[in-house]
Amino acid sequence: MAFRALQAPAVGLPGVSGGIHYFIVCIHDDRVPINPIPHKYLIEPDGTIGHNNFAGLTRQERDDYGRLMIARKEGPGDRDRLNEIPRKMGKVYYPPKDSIYALMCVLPKSPPNDLLSGSLLGRATPAIKLIGRYSLQ
């Protein structure tokens, strides 16, 4: 996780040019995607994460979110705050639909149906159904 510089100095991603990039960390269980987590980063020319405020968070919200993401223990109200901030961010970090479609083409198995409603993958539901029917099963 040196790329994110959470607990160590930043290390750039090799081969990633500067600009806005989308990443999806996709947690799997027995090769089935169960928790896709979208990320959107402003990448500096050296491959490290640049400062951005895509979601329009206040300074306090950004500070709280950064602190809560690496906290080893939860304090009073931390869980609520950690849930509140991403709700405000909404879908600003979601990749374009074309990218979601491309992701679905390379997944080893179709995601469970409960991921398809209101989630990141739900944005490409027609494509997922088509892919699941013809190429992933």
Protein backbone atom coordinates (compact mmCIF):
# COMPACT_ATOMS: atom_id res chain seq x y z
CA MET A 1 0.00 0.00 0.00
CA ALA A 2 3.00 2.28 -0.32
CA PHE A 3 1.26 3.77 -3.35
CA ARG A 4 -1.37 5.31 -1.05
CA ALA A 5 1.26 6.51 1.47
CA LEU A 6 -0.95 5.60 4.41
CA GLN A 7 1.80 4.48 6.75
CA ALA A 8 4.96 4.93 4.70
CA PRO A 9 6.32 7.41 2.17
CA ALA A 10 4.61 7.28 -1.21
CA VAL A 11 5.96 4.99 -3.90
CA GLY A 12 4.76 5.69 -7.42
CA LEU A 13 3.06 3.07 -9.55
CA PRO A 14 5.42 2.04 -12.32
CA GLY A 15 4.10 2.63 -15.82
CA VAL A 16 1.17 4.83 -14.74
CA SER A 17 1.20 8.24 -16.36
CA GLY A 18 0.08 11.45 -14.71
CA GLY A 19 -3.61 12.35 -14.85
CA ILE A 20 -6.90 11.11 -13.44
CA HIS A 21 -7.08 7.34 -13.08
CA TYR A 22 -9.75 4.97 -11.86
CA PHE A 23 -8.94 1.79 -9.98
CA ILE A 24 -11.20 -0.91 -8.63
CA VAL A 25 -10.05 -3.06 -5.77
CA CYS A 26 -12.22 -6.13 -6.04
CA ILE A 27 -12.37 -8.48 -3.06
CA HIS A 28 -13.12 -12.06 -4.10
CA ASP A 29 -14.43 -15.15 -2.33
CA ASP A 30 -13.75 -18.34 -4.25
CA ARG A 31 -13.14 -16.22 -7.37
CA VAL A 32 -16.56 -14.51 -7.05
CA PRO A 33 -16.36 -10.70 -6.68
CA ILE A 34 -18.04 -9.73 -3.42
CA ASN A 35 -16.85 -6.21 -2.63
CA PRO A 36 -15.74 -3.96 -5.50
CA ILE A 37 -14.28 -0.74 -4.10
CA PRO A 38 -13.92 2.12 -6.61
CA HIS A 39 -11.06 4.58 -6.39
CA LYS A 40 -10.35 7.72 -8.39
CA TYR A 41 -6.93 9.30 -8.09
CA LEU A 42 -5.13 12.29 -9.46
CA ILE A 43 -1.76 10.76 -10.31
CA GLU A 44 1.34 12.96 -10.45
CA PRO A 45 3.88 12.51 -13.28
CA ASP A 46 6.09 10.44 -10.93
CA GLY A 47 3.26 7.94 -10.36
CA THR A 48 2.34 9.07 -6.83
CA ILE A 49 -1.08 10.25 -5.69
CA GLY A 50 -1.62 13.97 -6.03
CA HIS A 51 -3.90 16.14 -3.93
CA ASN A 52 -7.49 16.27 -5.14
CA ASN A 53 -10.91 17.02 -3.83
CA PHE A 54 -13.12 15.24 -6.33
CA ALA A 55 -15.88 14.74 -3.78
CA GLY A 56 -16.02 18.32 -2.51
CA LEU A 57 -15.28 17.32 1.08
CA THR A 58 -14.46 19.99 3.64
CA ARG A 59 -11.00 20.09 5.19
CA GLN A 60 -12.45 18.54 8.37
CA GLU A 61 -14.09 15.71 6.41
CA ARG A 62 -10.86 14.98 4.52
CA ASP A 63 -8.87 14.98 7.77
CA ASP A 64 -11.43 12.76 9.52
CA TYR A 65 -11.57 10.33 6.61
CA GLY A 66 -7.77 10.06 6.44
CA ARG A 67 -7.55 9.47 10.18
CA LEU A 68 -10.37 6.94 10.28
CA MET A 69 -9.02 4.93 7.33
CA ILE A 70 -5.84 4.07 9.25
CA ALA A 71 -7.15 4.09 12.83
CA ARG A 72 -6.33 0.91 14.71
CA LYS A 73 -9.18 1.40 17.21
CA GLU A 74 -12.59 3.00 16.83
CA GLY A 75 -13.60 5.78 19.16
CA PRO A 76 -17.10 7.02 19.97
CA GLY A 77 -18.85 8.10 16.77
CA ASP A 78 -16.05 6.91 14.47
CA ARG A 79 -18.14 4.23 12.73
CA ASP A 80 -20.95 6.70 12.03
CA ARG A 81 -18.49 9.29 10.72
CA LEU A 82 -16.76 6.69 8.54
CA ASN A 83 -20.14 5.77 7.03
CA GLU A 84 -21.29 9.40 6.67
CA ILE A 85 -18.35 10.67 4.63
CA PRO A 86 -18.56 8.09 1.81
CA ARG A 87 -22.31 8.73 1.57
CA LYS A 88 -21.50 12.39 0.90
CA MET A 89 -18.90 11.38 -1.70
CA GLY A 90 -21.59 9.42 -3.54
CA LYS A 91 -20.58 8.01 -6.89
CA VAL A 92 -17.88 10.54 -7.71
CA TYR A 93 -15.22 7.80 -7.55
CA TYR A 94 -17.11 5.34 -9.76
CA PRO A 95 -15.43 4.64 -13.08
CA PRO A 96 -17.20 5.28 -16.39
CA LYS A 97 -19.70 2.60 -17.49
CA ASP A 98 -17.39 1.47 -20.30
CA SER A 99 -14.74 0.62 -17.72
CA ILE A 100 -17.21 -1.33 -15.61
CA TYR A 101 -18.22 -3.27 -18.70
CA ALA A 102 -14.55 -4.06 -19.44
CA LEU A 103 -14.08 -5.22 -15.85
CA MET A 104 -17.05 -7.54 -16.12
CA CYS A 105 -15.55 -9.10 -19.26
CA VAL A 106 -12.46 -10.25 -17.36
CA LEU A 107 -13.98 -11.39 -14.06
CA PRO A 108 -13.60 -15.14 -13.61
CA LYS A 109 -17.19 -15.50 -12.27
CA SER A 110 -20.33 -13.39 -12.31
CA PRO A 111 -21.02 -11.32 -9.19
CA PRO A 112 -23.90 -12.34 -6.92
CA ASN A 113 -27.24 -10.74 -7.75
CA ASP A 114 -27.29 -8.66 -4.54
CA LEU A 115 -24.28 -6.72 -5.86
CA LEU A 116 -26.18 -5.75 -8.97
CA SER A 117 -28.67 -3.38 -7.37
CA GLY A 118 -27.55 0.06 -6.32
CA SER A 119 -23.87 -0.76 -6.26
CA LEU A 120 -20.89 -0.01 -8.43
CA LEU A 121 -21.62 -3.05 -10.56
CA GLY A 122 -25.29 -2.08 -10.73
CA ARG A 123 -24.34 0.73 -13.11
CA ALA A 124 -23.60 -1.92 -15.75
CA THR A 125 -26.41 -4.38 -14.96
CA PRO A 126 -27.52 -4.92 -18.59
CA ALA A 127 -23.93 -5.62 -19.60
CA ILE A 128 -23.43 -7.97 -16.65
CA LYS A 129 -26.52 -9.98 -17.56
CA LEU A 130 -25.36 -10.23 -21.16
CA ILE A 131 -21.83 -11.21 -20.18
CA GLY A 132 -23.02 -13.70 -17.56
CA ARG A 133 -25.25 -15.38 -20.07
CA TYR A 134 -22.63 -15.80 -22.79
CA SER A 135 -19.09 -15.70 -21.54
CA LEU A 136 -18.67 -16.05 -17.80
CA GLN A 137 -20.59 -19.22 -17.04
